[in-house]
Amino acid sequence: MFEKLIYILIMIIIVAVAIIFMKIINLSAGYVGDGEEYRGGKSQTIQLYVKEGCPWCSRAEIFLQNKGLPFVAREILELTEGERDTLLAKTKLYTVPNIIIDGKPIGGYSQLIIWAFKNNIISQEEYNELLPRTQK
């Protein structure tokens, strides 16, 4: 009986360590829509901070959906003051959309299109169509 209890406790510890390890390396097991997996099998975490009614936010969301790139979209006005302060400190941006890929702030919609092109997610033709004329 005592051996079974020890065995169960060891199993619980192993599972707890595995969960902590997965959180540390940002695998978020079982969490749907965290931006894992895009073309080429590379893992990406895409965070999109948006504001309702923002046309560039909508374009970014539609682009990511059309390309099958999972992402997490958060309404900027629903963030706590602390979350907004952290986001501002990290990105130095007061604008939306505010996009972070793998923990690295990339900017807004135009930078998302540039990132997608550089990572072979879109063709030169798509790049030319999607990038706003002022950014070319």
C-alpha atoms as a PDB file:
ATOM      1  CA  MET A   1       0.000   0.000   0.000  1.00  0.00           C
ATOM      2  CA  PHE A   2       2.797   2.401   0.924  1.00  0.00           C
ATOM      3  CA  GLU A   3       4.590   1.634  -2.381  1.00  0.00           C
ATOM      4  CA  LYS A   4       1.431   2.538  -4.359  1.00  0.00           C
ATOM      5  CA  LEU A   5       1.211   5.866  -2.537  1.00  0.00           C
ATOM      6  CA  ILE A   6       4.870   6.618  -3.307  1.00  0.00           C
ATOM      7  CA  TYR A   7       4.294   5.651  -6.966  1.00  0.00           C
ATOM      8  CA  ILE A   8       1.256   7.973  -7.225  1.00  0.00           C
ATOM      9  CA  LEU A   9       3.153  10.863  -5.623  1.00  0.00           C
ATOM     10  CA  ILE A  10       6.073  10.371  -8.030  1.00  0.00           C
ATOM     11  CA  MET A  11       3.675  10.365 -10.989  1.00  0.00           C
ATOM     12  CA  ILE A  12       2.038  13.581  -9.762  1.00  0.00           C
ATOM     13  CA  ILE A  13       5.449  15.227  -9.425  1.00  0.00           C
ATOM     14  CA  ILE A  14       6.448  14.108 -12.940  1.00  0.00           C
ATOM     15  CA  VAL A  15       3.233  15.502 -14.424  1.00  0.00           C
ATOM     16  CA  ALA A  16       3.661  18.786 -12.519  1.00  0.00           C
ATOM     17  CA  VAL A  17       7.257  19.142 -13.726  1.00  0.00           C
ATOM     18  CA  ALA A  18       6.152  18.411 -17.318  1.00  0.00           C
ATOM     19  CA  ILE A  19       3.427  21.084 -17.115  1.00  0.00           C
ATOM     20  CA  ILE A  20       5.852  23.638 -15.718  1.00  0.00           C
ATOM     21  CA  PHE A  21       8.411  22.789 -18.407  1.00  0.00           C
ATOM     22  CA  MET A  22       5.783  23.171 -21.154  1.00  0.00           C
ATOM     23  CA  LYS A  23       4.772  26.584 -19.773  1.00  0.00           C
ATOM     24  CA  ILE A  24       8.396  27.665 -19.662  1.00  0.00           C
ATOM     25  CA  ILE A  25       9.004  26.776 -23.290  1.00  0.00           C
ATOM     26  CA  ASN A  26       5.614  28.228 -24.251  1.00  0.00           C
ATOM     27  CA  LEU A  27       3.985  25.106 -25.661  1.00  0.00           C
ATOM     28  CA  SER A  28       0.698  25.722 -23.834  1.00  0.00           C
ATOM     29  CA  ALA A  29      -0.613  22.187 -24.206  1.00  0.00           C
ATOM     30  CA  GLY A  30      -4.297  22.095 -25.008  1.00  0.00           C
ATOM     31  CA  TYR A  31      -4.610  25.825 -25.608  1.00  0.00           C
ATOM     32  CA  VAL A  32      -6.310  26.402 -28.938  1.00  0.00           C
ATOM     33  CA  GLY A  33      -5.411  29.406 -31.053  1.00  0.00           C
ATOM     34  CA  ASP A  34      -2.072  30.325 -29.525  1.00  0.00           C
ATOM     35  CA  GLY A  35      -0.399  30.758 -32.905  1.00  0.00           C
ATOM     36  CA  GLU A  36       1.522  27.483 -33.026  1.00  0.00           C
ATOM     37  CA  GLU A  37       2.477  25.948 -36.357  1.00  0.00           C
ATOM     38  CA  TYR A  38       2.617  27.719 -39.653  1.00  0.00           C
ATOM     39  CA  ARG A  39       4.072  26.763 -42.986  1.00  0.00           C
ATOM     40  CA  GLY A  40       7.269  24.787 -42.946  1.00  0.00           C
ATOM     41  CA  GLY A  41       6.516  23.311 -39.531  1.00  0.00           C
ATOM     42  CA  LYS A  42       8.032  26.289 -37.756  1.00  0.00           C
ATOM     43  CA  SER A  43       6.309  27.223 -34.547  1.00  0.00           C
ATOM     44  CA  GLN A  44       5.131  30.790 -34.118  1.00  0.00           C
ATOM     45  CA  THR A  45       3.121  32.512 -31.444  1.00  0.00           C
ATOM     46  CA  ILE A  46       1.177  35.398 -32.961  1.00  0.00           C
ATOM     47  CA  GLN A  47      -0.450  37.956 -30.682  1.00  0.00           C
ATOM     48  CA  LEU A  48      -2.650  40.612 -32.227  1.00  0.00           C
ATOM     49  CA  TYR A  49      -3.829  43.595 -30.200  1.00  0.00           C
ATOM     50  CA  VAL A  50      -6.795  45.284 -31.870  1.00  0.00           C
ATOM     51  CA  LYS A  51      -9.488  47.899 -31.395  1.00  0.00           C
ATOM     52  CA  GLU A  52     -13.048  47.435 -32.566  1.00  0.00           C
ATOM     53  CA  GLY A  53     -13.758  49.422 -35.715  1.00  0.00           C
ATOM     54  CA  CYS A  54     -10.101  49.632 -36.755  1.00  0.00           C
ATOM     55  CA  PRO A  55      -9.878  48.774 -40.483  1.00  0.00           C
ATOM     56  CA  TRP A  56      -6.190  47.802 -40.312  1.00  0.00           C
ATOM     57  CA  CYS A  57      -6.924  45.493 -37.367  1.00  0.00           C
ATOM     58  CA  SER A  58      -9.652  43.808 -39.414  1.00  0.00           C
ATOM     59  CA  ARG A  59      -7.296  43.442 -42.367  1.00  0.00           C
ATOM     60  CA  ALA A  60      -4.627  41.866 -40.160  1.00  0.00           C
ATOM     61  CA  GLU A  61      -7.130  39.406 -38.664  1.00  0.00           C
ATOM     62  CA  ILE A  62      -8.535  38.484 -42.087  1.00  0.00           C
ATOM     63  CA  PHE A  63      -5.033  38.061 -43.503  1.00  0.00           C
ATOM     64  CA  LEU A  64      -3.989  35.707 -40.699  1.00  0.00           C
ATOM     65  CA  GLN A  65      -7.226  33.718 -41.007  1.00  0.00           C
ATOM     66  CA  ASN A  66      -6.913  33.440 -44.797  1.00  0.00           C
ATOM     67  CA  LYS A  67      -3.347  32.193 -44.479  1.00  0.00           C
ATOM     68  CA  GLY A  68      -4.314  29.675 -41.820  1.00  0.00           C
ATOM     69  CA  LEU A  69      -2.020  31.266 -39.258  1.00  0.00           C
ATOM     70  CA  PRO A  70      -3.482  30.773 -35.768  1.00  0.00           C
ATOM     71  CA  PHE A  71      -3.306  33.822 -33.542  1.00  0.00           C
ATOM     72  CA  VAL A  72      -4.644  35.297 -30.353  1.00  0.00           C
ATOM     73  CA  ALA A  73      -6.504  38.579 -30.823  1.00  0.00           C
ATOM     74  CA  ARG A  74      -7.101  40.798 -27.809  1.00  0.00           C
ATOM     75  CA  GLU A  75      -9.173  43.948 -27.678  1.00  0.00           C
ATOM     76  CA  ILE A  76      -6.830  46.673 -26.472  1.00  0.00           C
ATOM     77  CA  LEU A  77      -9.571  48.434 -24.503  1.00  0.00           C
ATOM     78  CA  GLU A  78     -10.256  45.250 -22.532  1.00  0.00           C
ATOM     79  CA  LEU A  79      -6.691  45.020 -21.227  1.00  0.00           C
ATOM     80  CA  THR A  80      -6.040  46.018 -17.644  1.00  0.00           C
ATOM     81  CA  GLU A  81      -3.991  49.137 -17.061  1.00  0.00           C
ATOM     82  CA  GLY A  82      -1.050  46.932 -16.083  1.00  0.00           C
ATOM     83  CA  GLU A  83      -1.364  44.877 -19.280  1.00  0.00           C
ATOM     84  CA  ARG A  84      -1.481  48.054 -21.392  1.00  0.00           C
ATOM     85  CA  ASP A  85       1.587  49.425 -19.607  1.00  0.00           C
ATOM     86  CA  THR A  86       3.455  46.159 -20.206  1.00  0.00           C
ATOM     87  CA  LEU A  87       2.439  46.143 -23.877  1.00  0.00           C
ATOM     88  CA  LEU A  88       3.553  49.750 -24.319  1.00  0.00           C
ATOM     89  CA  ALA A  89       6.878  49.094 -22.602  1.00  0.00           C
ATOM     90  CA  LYS A  90       7.469  46.089 -24.861  1.00  0.00           C
ATOM     91  CA  THR A  91       6.341  47.541 -28.196  1.00  0.00           C
ATOM     92  CA  LYS A  92       6.737  51.311 -27.777  1.00  0.00           C
ATOM     93  CA  LEU A  93       3.581  51.615 -29.925  1.00  0.00           C
ATOM     94  CA  TYR A  94       0.408  53.528 -29.153  1.00  0.00           C
ATOM     95  CA  THR A  95      -1.247  52.282 -32.343  1.00  0.00           C
ATOM     96  CA  VAL A  96      -3.290  49.260 -33.403  1.00  0.00           C
ATOM     97  CA  PRO A  97      -3.012  46.694 -34.675  1.00  0.00           C
ATOM     98  CA  ASN A  98      -0.068  45.942 -32.469  1.00  0.00           C
ATOM     99  CA  ILE A  99       1.428  42.613 -33.504  1.00  0.00           C
ATOM    100  CA  ILE A 100       3.879  40.449 -31.579  1.00  0.00           C
ATOM    101  CA  ILE A 101       5.356  37.297 -33.100  1.00  0.00           C
ATOM    102  CA  ASP A 102       7.337  34.932 -30.898  1.00  0.00           C
ATOM    103  CA  GLY A 103       7.578  37.614 -28.250  1.00  0.00           C
ATOM    104  CA  LYS A 104       9.066  40.127 -30.695  1.00  0.00           C
ATOM    105  CA  PRO A 105       7.048  43.239 -31.539  1.00  0.00           C
ATOM    106  CA  ILE A 106       6.890  43.635 -35.312  1.00  0.00           C
ATOM    107  CA  GLY A 107       4.569  46.646 -35.598  1.00  0.00           C
ATOM    108  CA  GLY A 108       1.277  46.919 -37.445  1.00  0.00           C
ATOM    109  CA  TYR A 109      -0.401  45.641 -40.595  1.00  0.00           C
ATOM    110  CA  SER A 110       2.339  46.690 -43.046  1.00  0.00           C
ATOM    111  CA  GLN A 111       5.012  45.027 -40.924  1.00  0.00           C
ATOM    112  CA  LEU A 112       2.865  41.862 -40.773  1.00  0.00           C
ATOM    113  CA  ILE A 113       2.777  41.721 -44.583  1.00  0.00           C
ATOM    114  CA  ILE A 114       6.547  42.310 -44.758  1.00  0.00           C
ATOM    115  CA  TRP A 115       7.095  39.556 -42.152  1.00  0.00           C
ATOM    116  CA  ALA A 116       4.860  37.161 -44.130  1.00  0.00           C
ATOM    117  CA  PHE A 117       6.788  37.870 -47.325  1.00  0.00           C
ATOM    118  CA  LYS A 118      10.193  37.427 -45.674  1.00  0.00           C
ATOM    119  CA  ASN A 119       9.009  34.108 -44.207  1.00  0.00           C
ATOM    120  CA  ASN A 120       7.744  32.815 -47.573  1.00  0.00           C
ATOM    121  CA  ILE A 121       4.114  32.821 -46.461  1.00  0.00           C
ATOM    122  CA  ILE A 122       3.078  35.053 -49.351  1.00  0.00           C
ATOM    123  CA  SER A 123       4.377  35.516 -52.883  1.00  0.00           C
ATOM    124  CA  GLN A 124       5.849  38.675 -54.389  1.00  0.00           C
ATOM    125  CA  GLU A 125       2.530  39.237 -56.174  1.00  0.00           C
ATOM    126  CA  GLU A 126       0.528  38.958 -52.932  1.00  0.00           C
ATOM    127  CA  TYR A 127       3.047  41.216 -51.204  1.00  0.00           C
ATOM    128  CA  ASN A 128       2.569  43.879 -53.882  1.00  0.00           C
ATOM    129  CA  GLU A 129      -1.225  43.616 -53.617  1.00  0.00           C
ATOM    130  CA  LEU A 130      -1.416  43.618 -49.822  1.00  0.00           C
ATOM    131  CA  LEU A 131       1.182  46.182 -48.824  1.00  0.00           C
ATOM    132  CA  PRO A 132      -0.257  49.693 -48.658  1.00  0.00           C
ATOM    133  CA  ARG A 133       1.108  51.894 -51.442  1.00  0.00           C
ATOM    134  CA  THR A 134       2.689  54.290 -48.968  1.00  0.00           C
ATOM    135  CA  GLN A 135       4.889  51.478 -47.626  1.00  0.00           C
ATOM    136  CA  LYS A 136       6.383  50.399 -50.969  1.00  0.00           C
END
